[in-house]
PDB file of N, CA and C in Angstrom:
ATOM      1  N   UNK A   1     121.032 142.640  75.487  1.00  0.00           N
ATOM      2  CA  UNK A   1     122.365 142.105  75.692  1.00  0.00           C
ATOM      3  C   UNK A   1     122.704 141.250  74.474  1.00  0.00           C
ATOM      4  N   UNK A   2     123.887 141.485  73.890  1.00  0.00           N
ATOM      5  CA  UNK A   2     124.282 140.689  72.731  1.00  0.00           C
ATOM      6  C   UNK A   2     124.891 139.359  73.182  1.00  0.00           C
ATOM      7  N   UNK A   3     125.139 138.481  72.220  1.00  0.00           N
ATOM      8  CA  UNK A   3     125.605 137.125  72.547  1.00  0.00           C
ATOM      9  C   UNK A   3     126.961 137.139  73.242  1.00  0.00           C
ATOM     10  N   UNK A   4     127.849 138.044  72.835  1.00  0.00           N
ATOM     11  CA  UNK A   4     129.165 138.124  73.470  1.00  0.00           C
ATOM     12  C   UNK A   4     129.037 138.485  74.946  1.00  0.00           C
ATOM     13  N   UNK A   5     128.181 139.440  75.251  1.00  0.00           N
ATOM     14  CA  UNK A   5     127.962 139.826  76.646  1.00  0.00           C
ATOM     15  C   UNK A   5     127.324 138.693  77.435  1.00  0.00           C
ATOM     16  N   UNK A   6     126.404 137.994  76.806  1.00  0.00           N
ATOM     17  CA  UNK A   6     125.747 136.871  77.451  1.00  0.00           C
ATOM     18  C   UNK A   6     126.747 135.756  77.761  1.00  0.00           C
ATOM     19  N   UNK A   7     127.610 135.443  76.807  1.00  0.00           N
ATOM     20  CA  UNK A   7     128.647 134.423  77.019  1.00  0.00           C
ATOM     21  C   UNK A   7     129.538 134.818  78.194  1.00  0.00           C
ATOM     22  N   UNK A   8     129.931 136.083  78.249  1.00  0.00           N
ATOM     23  CA  UNK A   8     130.791 136.550  79.347  1.00  0.00           C
ATOM     24  C   UNK A   8     130.096 136.377  80.697  1.00  0.00           C
ATOM     25  N   UNK A   9     128.824 136.729  80.762  1.00  0.00           N
ATOM     26  CA  UNK A   9     128.084 136.611  82.019  1.00  0.00           C
ATOM     27  C   UNK A   9     127.885 135.142  82.414  1.00  0.00           C
ATOM     28  N   UNK A  10     127.648 134.282  81.427  1.00  0.00           N
ATOM     29  CA  UNK A  10     127.514 132.848  81.714  1.00  0.00           C
ATOM     30  C   UNK A  10     128.836 132.301  82.229  1.00  0.00           C
ATOM     31  N   UNK A  11     129.936 132.679  81.605  1.00  0.00           N
ATOM     32  CA  UNK A  11     131.251 132.198  82.043  1.00  0.00           C
ATOM     33  C   UNK A  11     131.554 132.660  83.469  1.00  0.00           C
ATOM     34  N   UNK A  12     131.184 133.884  83.810  1.00  0.00           N
ATOM     35  CA  UNK A  12     131.382 134.374  85.176  1.00  0.00           C
ATOM     36  C   UNK A  12     130.594 133.516  86.157  1.00  0.00           C
ATOM     37  N   UNK A  13     129.339 133.233  85.810  1.00  0.00           N
ATOM     38  CA  UNK A  13     128.505 132.392  86.680  1.00  0.00           C
ATOM     39  C   UNK A  13     129.073 130.976  86.787  1.00  0.00           C
ATOM     40  N   UNK A  14     129.500 130.410  85.647  1.00  0.00           N
ATOM     41  CA  UNK A  14     130.078 129.063  85.677  1.00  0.00           C
ATOM     42  C   UNK A  14     131.364 129.036  86.499  1.00  0.00           C
ATOM     43  N   UNK A  15     132.165 130.085  86.400  1.00  0.00           N
ATOM     44  CA  UNK A  15     133.410 130.139  87.169  1.00  0.00           C
ATOM     45  C   UNK A  15     133.161 130.098  88.667  1.00  0.00           C
ATOM     46  N   UNK A  16     132.018 130.613  89.106  1.00  0.00           N
ATOM     47  CA  UNK A  16     131.699 130.552  90.533  1.00  0.00           C
ATOM     48  C   UNK A  16     131.311 129.139  90.963  1.00  0.00           C
ATOM     49  N   UNK A  17     130.875 128.309  90.008  1.00  0.00           N
ATOM     50  CA  UNK A  17     130.467 126.928  90.305  1.00  0.00           C
ATOM     51  C   UNK A  17     131.598 125.927  90.076  1.00  0.00           C
ATOM     52  N   UNK A  18     132.566 126.290  89.266  1.00  0.00           N
ATOM     53  CA  UNK A  18     133.626 125.350  88.888  1.00  0.00           C
ATOM     54  C   UNK A  18     134.389 124.748  90.062  1.00  0.00           C
ATOM     55  N   UNK A  19     134.710 125.505  91.103  1.00  0.00           N
ATOM     56  CA  UNK A  19     135.465 124.881  92.203  1.00  0.00           C
ATOM     57  C   UNK A  19     134.776 123.661  92.794  1.00  0.00           C
ATOM     58  N   UNK A  20     133.445 123.669  92.843  1.00  0.00           N
ATOM     59  CA  UNK A  20     132.707 122.522  93.383  1.00  0.00           C
ATOM     60  C   UNK A  20     132.819 121.324  92.447  1.00  0.00           C
ATOM     61  N   UNK A  21     132.738 121.564  91.144  1.00  0.00           N
ATOM     62  CA  UNK A  21     132.878 120.492  90.155  1.00  0.00           C
ATOM     63  C   UNK A  21     134.309 119.963  90.140  1.00  0.00           C
ATOM     64  N   UNK A  22     135.258 120.882  90.159  1.00  0.00           N
ATOM     65  CA  UNK A  22     136.664 120.494  90.090  1.00  0.00           C
ATOM     66  C   UNK A  22     137.108 119.745  91.344  1.00  0.00           C
ATOM     67  N   UNK A  23     136.478 120.022  92.476  1.00  0.00           N
ATOM     68  CA  UNK A  23     136.804 119.299  93.705  1.00  0.00           C
ATOM     69  C   UNK A  23     136.509 117.811  93.569  1.00  0.00           C
ATOM     70  N   UNK A  24     135.567 117.475  92.686  1.00  0.00           N
ATOM     71  CA  UNK A  24     135.223 116.075  92.434  1.00  0.00           C
ATOM     72  C   UNK A  24     135.845 115.551  91.145  1.00  0.00           C
ATOM     73  N   UNK A  25     136.792 116.303  90.572  1.00  0.00           N
ATOM     74  CA  UNK A  25     137.469 115.858  89.363  1.00  0.00           C
ATOM     75  C   UNK A  25     136.713 116.146  88.087  1.00  0.00           C
ATOM     76  N   UNK A  26     135.786 117.084  88.120  1.00  0.00           N
ATOM     77  CA  UNK A  26     134.992 117.400  86.934  1.00  0.00           C
ATOM     78  C   UNK A  26     135.128 118.847  86.519  1.00  0.00           C
ATOM     79  N   UNK A  27     134.337 119.221  85.538  1.00  0.00           N
ATOM     80  CA  UNK A  27     134.298 120.596  85.051  1.00  0.00           C
ATOM     81  C   UNK A  27     133.094 120.733  84.131  1.00  0.00           C
ATOM     82  N   UNK A  28     132.859 121.938  83.652  1.00  0.00           N
ATOM     83  CA  UNK A  28     131.760 122.211  82.740  1.00  0.00           C
ATOM     84  C   UNK A  28     132.264 123.151  81.653  1.00  0.00           C
ATOM     85  N   UNK A  29     131.745 122.950  80.440  1.00  0.00           N
ATOM     86  CA  UNK A  29     132.153 123.760  79.291  1.00  0.00           C
ATOM     87  C   UNK A  29     130.904 124.291  78.596  1.00  0.00           C
ATOM     88  N   UNK A  30     130.897 125.588  78.285  1.00  0.00           N
ATOM     89  CA  UNK A  30     129.810 126.187  77.523  1.00  0.00           C
ATOM     90  C   UNK A  30     129.964 125.781  76.064  1.00  0.00           C
ATOM     91  N   UNK A  31     128.926 125.164  75.496  1.00  0.00           N
ATOM     92  CA  UNK A  31     128.950 124.714  74.110  1.00  0.00           C
ATOM     93  C   UNK A  31     128.274 125.741  73.207  1.00  0.00           C
ATOM     94  N   UNK A  32     127.060 126.180  73.592  1.00  0.00           N
ATOM     95  CA  UNK A  32     126.318 127.106  72.741  1.00  0.00           C
ATOM     96  C   UNK A  32     125.183 127.734  73.533  1.00  0.00           C
ATOM     97  N   UNK A  33     124.639 128.803  72.974  1.00  0.00           N
ATOM     98  CA  UNK A  33     123.426 129.434  73.473  1.00  0.00           C
ATOM     99  C   UNK A  33     122.514 129.566  72.263  1.00  0.00           C
ATOM    100  N   UNK A  34     121.347 128.956  72.335  1.00  0.00           N
ATOM    101  CA  UNK A  34     120.432 128.993  71.195  1.00  0.00           C
ATOM    102  C   UNK A  34     119.673 130.318  71.181  1.00  0.00           C
ATOM    103  N   UNK A  35     119.003 130.581  70.070  1.00  0.00           N
ATOM    104  CA  UNK A  35     118.192 131.795  69.965  1.00  0.00           C
ATOM    105  C   UNK A  35     117.001 131.750  70.915  1.00  0.00           C
ATOM    106  N   UNK A  36     116.639 130.558  71.389  1.00  0.00           N
ATOM    107  CA  UNK A  36     115.547 130.403  72.353  1.00  0.00           C
ATOM    108  C   UNK A  36     116.042 130.558  73.789  1.00  0.00           C
ATOM    109  N   UNK A  37     117.296 130.984  73.953  1.00  0.00           N
ATOM    110  CA  UNK A  37     117.923 131.189  75.264  1.00  0.00           C
ATOM    111  C   UNK A  37     118.092 129.887  76.042  1.00  0.00           C
ATOM    112  N   UNK A  38     118.418 128.829  75.312  1.00  0.00           N
ATOM    113  CA  UNK A  38     118.765 127.558  75.924  1.00  0.00           C
ATOM    114  C   UNK A  38     120.290 127.478  75.959  1.00  0.00           C
ATOM    115  N   UNK A  39     120.836 127.271  77.140  1.00  0.00           N
ATOM    116  CA  UNK A  39     122.282 127.166  77.307  1.00  0.00           C
ATOM    117  C   UNK A  39     122.659 125.688  77.227  1.00  0.00           C
ATOM    118  N   UNK A  40     123.575 125.386  76.314  1.00  0.00           N
ATOM    119  CA  UNK A  40     124.038 124.011  76.139  1.00  0.00           C
ATOM    120  C   UNK A  40     125.426 123.886  76.760  1.00  0.00           C
ATOM    121  N   UNK A  41     125.544 122.934  77.669  1.00  0.00           N
ATOM    122  CA  UNK A  41     126.787 122.721  78.403  1.00  0.00           C
ATOM    123  C   UNK A  41     127.256 121.285  78.243  1.00  0.00           C
ATOM    124  N   UNK A  42     128.550 121.098  78.370  1.00  0.00           N
ATOM    125  CA  UNK A  42     129.133 119.754  78.371  1.00  0.00           C
ATOM    126  C   UNK A  42     129.813 119.542  79.721  1.00  0.00           C
ATOM    127  N   UNK A  43     129.402 118.493  80.418  1.00  0.00           N
ATOM    128  CA  UNK A  43     130.085 118.121  81.646  1.00  0.00           C
ATOM    129  C   UNK A  43     131.349 117.355  81.270  1.00  0.00           C
ATOM    130  N   UNK A  44     132.428 117.624  81.974  1.00  0.00           N
ATOM    131  CA  UNK A  44     133.723 117.028  81.649  1.00  0.00           C
ATOM    132  C   UNK A  44     134.297 116.295  82.847  1.00  0.00           C
ATOM    133  N   UNK A  45     135.293 115.478  82.582  1.00  0.00           N
ATOM    134  CA  UNK A  45     135.969 114.749  83.648  1.00  0.00           C
ATOM    135  C   UNK A  45     135.022 113.795  84.354  1.00  0.00           C
ATOM    136  N   UNK A  46     135.169 113.688  85.659  1.00  0.00           N
ATOM    137  CA  UNK A  46     134.326 112.779  86.437  1.00  0.00           C
ATOM    138  C   UNK A  46     132.849 113.126  86.343  1.00  0.00           C
ATOM    139  N   UNK A  47     132.538 114.389  86.103  1.00  0.00           N
ATOM    140  CA  UNK A  47     131.125 114.794  86.014  1.00  0.00           C
ATOM    141  C   UNK A  47     130.437 114.199  84.784  1.00  0.00           C
ATOM    142  N   UNK A  48     131.187 113.901  83.752  1.00  0.00           N
ATOM    143  CA  UNK A  48     130.576 113.387  82.527  1.00  0.00           C
ATOM    144  C   UNK A  48     130.017 111.982  82.690  1.00  0.00           C
ATOM    145  N   UNK A  49     130.550 111.226  83.630  1.00  0.00           N
ATOM    146  CA  UNK A  49     130.095 109.848  83.797  1.00  0.00           C
ATOM    147  C   UNK A  49     129.457 109.583  85.161  1.00  0.00           C
ATOM    148  N   UNK A  50     129.310 110.601  85.948  1.00  0.00           N
ATOM    149  CA  UNK A  50     128.751 110.444  87.296  1.00  0.00           C
ATOM    150  C   UNK A  50     127.250 110.180  87.229  1.00  0.00           C
ATOM    151  N   UNK A  51     126.775 109.276  88.084  1.00  0.00           N
ATOM    152  CA  UNK A  51     125.348 108.971  88.144  1.00  0.00           C
ATOM    153  C   UNK A  51     124.526 110.170  88.608  1.00  0.00           C
ATOM    154  N   UNK A  52     125.140 111.093  89.289  1.00  0.00           N
ATOM    155  CA  UNK A  52     124.445 112.269  89.805  1.00  0.00           C
ATOM    156  C   UNK A  52     124.548 113.470  88.872  1.00  0.00           C
ATOM    157  N   UNK A  53     125.080 113.279  87.674  1.00  0.00           N
ATOM    158  CA  UNK A  53     125.305 114.418  86.769  1.00  0.00           C
ATOM    159  C   UNK A  53     124.012 115.130  86.398  1.00  0.00           C
ATOM    160  N   UNK A  54     122.906 114.395  86.293  1.00  0.00           N
ATOM    161  CA  UNK A  54     121.625 115.036  85.985  1.00  0.00           C
ATOM    162  C   UNK A  54     121.234 116.003  87.111  1.00  0.00           C
ATOM    163  N   UNK A  55     121.424 115.578  88.341  1.00  0.00           N
ATOM    164  CA  UNK A  55     121.117 116.440  89.483  1.00  0.00           C
ATOM    165  C   UNK A  55     122.071 117.627  89.530  1.00  0.00           C
ATOM    166  N   UNK A  56     123.329 117.387  89.234  1.00  0.00           N
ATOM    167  CA  UNK A  56     124.306 118.479  89.201  1.00  0.00           C
ATOM    168  C   UNK A  56     123.876 119.518  88.180  1.00  0.00           C
ATOM    169  N   UNK A  57     123.460 119.062  87.010  1.00  0.00           N
ATOM    170  CA  UNK A  57     123.068 119.975  85.936  1.00  0.00           C
ATOM    171  C   UNK A  57     121.815 120.753  86.309  1.00  0.00           C
ATOM    172  N   UNK A  58     120.778 120.055  86.770  1.00  0.00           N
ATOM    173  CA  UNK A  58     119.492 120.710  87.035  1.00  0.00           C
ATOM    174  C   UNK A  58     119.490 121.497  88.349  1.00  0.00           C
ATOM    175  N   UNK A  59     119.851 120.844  89.434  1.00  0.00           N
ATOM    176  CA  UNK A  59     119.744 121.487  90.741  1.00  0.00           C
ATOM    177  C   UNK A  59     120.864 122.490  90.992  1.00  0.00           C
ATOM    178  N   UNK A  60     122.031 122.219  90.461  1.00  0.00           N
ATOM    179  CA  UNK A  60     123.155 123.109  90.715  1.00  0.00           C
ATOM    180  C   UNK A  60     123.374 124.141  89.634  1.00  0.00           C
ATOM    181  N   UNK A  61     123.770 123.680  88.479  1.00  0.00           N
ATOM    182  CA  UNK A  61     124.179 124.590  87.412  1.00  0.00           C
ATOM    183  C   UNK A  61     122.999 125.369  86.846  1.00  0.00           C
ATOM    184  N   UNK A  62     121.908 124.691  86.497  1.00  0.00           N
ATOM    185  CA  UNK A  62     120.770 125.394  85.903  1.00  0.00           C
ATOM    186  C   UNK A  62     120.206 126.444  86.867  1.00  0.00           C
ATOM    187  N   UNK A  63     120.011 126.075  88.120  1.00  0.00           N
ATOM    188  CA  UNK A  63     119.486 127.040  89.089  1.00  0.00           C
ATOM    189  C   UNK A  63     120.425 128.220  89.258  1.00  0.00           C
ATOM    190  N   UNK A  64     121.724 127.959  89.299  1.00  0.00           N
ATOM    191  CA  UNK A  64     122.696 129.035  89.444  1.00  0.00           C
ATOM    192  C   UNK A  64     122.705 129.982  88.259  1.00  0.00           C
ATOM    193  N   UNK A  65     122.649 129.424  87.052  1.00  0.00           N
ATOM    194  CA  UNK A  65     122.646 130.267  85.854  1.00  0.00           C
ATOM    195  C   UNK A  65     121.352 131.077  85.752  1.00  0.00           C
ATOM    196  N   UNK A  66     120.225 130.436  86.032  1.00  0.00           N
ATOM    197  CA  UNK A  66     118.950 131.154  85.947  1.00  0.00           C
ATOM    198  C   UNK A  66     118.846 132.248  87.011  1.00  0.00           C
ATOM    199  N   UNK A  67     119.451 132.042  88.163  1.00  0.00           N
ATOM    200  CA  UNK A  67     119.461 133.081  89.188  1.00  0.00           C
ATOM    201  C   UNK A  67     120.297 134.272  88.744  1.00  0.00           C
ATOM    202  N   UNK A  68     121.440 133.983  88.131  1.00  0.00           N
ATOM    203  CA  UNK A  68     122.335 135.048  87.671  1.00  0.00           C
ATOM    204  C   UNK A  68     121.811 135.730  86.417  1.00  0.00           C
ATOM    205  N   UNK A  69     121.141 134.967  85.549  1.00  0.00           N
ATOM    206  CA  UNK A  69     120.664 135.478  84.260  1.00  0.00           C
ATOM    207  C   UNK A  69     119.238 135.004  84.025  1.00  0.00           C
ATOM    208  N   UNK A  70     118.251 135.731  84.528  1.00  0.00           N
ATOM    209  CA  UNK A  70     116.847 135.289  84.434  1.00  0.00           C
ATOM    210  C   UNK A  70     116.352 135.097  83.002  1.00  0.00           C
ATOM    211  N   UNK A  71     117.023 135.675  82.014  1.00  0.00           N
ATOM    212  CA  UNK A  71     116.585 135.521  80.627  1.00  0.00           C
ATOM    213  C   UNK A  71     116.857 134.125  80.073  1.00  0.00           C
ATOM    214  N   UNK A  72     117.655 133.326  80.771  1.00  0.00           N
ATOM    215  CA  UNK A  72     117.920 131.955  80.340  1.00  0.00           C
ATOM    216  C   UNK A  72     116.670 131.114  80.586  1.00  0.00           C
ATOM    217  N   UNK A  73     116.232 130.403  79.551  1.00  0.00           N
ATOM    218  CA  UNK A  73     115.019 129.583  79.638  1.00  0.00           C
ATOM    219  C   UNK A  73     115.288 128.153  80.059  1.00  0.00           C
ATOM    220  N   UNK A  74     116.430 127.605  79.631  1.00  0.00           N
ATOM    221  CA  UNK A  74     116.750 126.212  79.946  1.00  0.00           C
ATOM    222  C   UNK A  74     118.255 125.999  79.874  1.00  0.00           C
ATOM    223  N   UNK A  75     118.701 124.978  80.589  1.00  0.00           N
ATOM    224  CA  UNK A  75     120.104 124.560  80.566  1.00  0.00           C
ATOM    225  C   UNK A  75     120.094 123.069  80.300  1.00  0.00           C
ATOM    226  N   UNK A  76     120.815 122.640  79.256  1.00  0.00           N
ATOM    227  CA  UNK A  76     120.831 121.220  78.891  1.00  0.00           C
ATOM    228  C   UNK A  76     122.261 120.741  78.721  1.00  0.00           C
ATOM    229  N   UNK A  77     122.444 119.452  78.995  1.00  0.00           N
ATOM    230  CA  UNK A  77     123.745 118.807  78.796  1.00  0.00           C
ATOM    231  C   UNK A  77     123.795 118.234  77.387  1.00  0.00           C
ATOM    232  N   UNK A  78     124.899 118.446  76.712  1.00  0.00           N
ATOM    233  CA  UNK A  78     125.116 117.872  75.388  1.00  0.00           C
ATOM    234  C   UNK A  78     126.400 117.069  75.406  1.00  0.00           C
ATOM    235  N   UNK A  79     126.496 116.113  74.523  1.00  0.00           N
ATOM    236  CA  UNK A  79     127.680 115.260  74.455  1.00  0.00           C
ATOM    237  C   UNK A  79     128.443 115.435  73.159  1.00  0.00           C
ATOM    238  N   UNK A  80     128.191 116.494  72.438  1.00  0.00           N
ATOM    239  CA  UNK A  80     128.883 116.677  71.163  1.00  0.00           C
ATOM    240  C   UNK A  80     130.054 117.606  71.301  1.00  0.00           C
TER     241      UNK A  80
END
């Protein structure tokens, strides 16, 4: 799978999670995918400053992405 196809599949998976984030005034943005299959995401809105954002990233988003795309090795939050 090339990077364009991977981005499309990640966006589809993220779109299924967005309503839950948006219900709390937040969102998520795909920043990059490294050659090591690490997905870099930026939490936005209320999610960017929430004390539970680490749990949202690991338990929610990372598990969801890895279930949809087993080739993903890690999901990390970035602030750039």
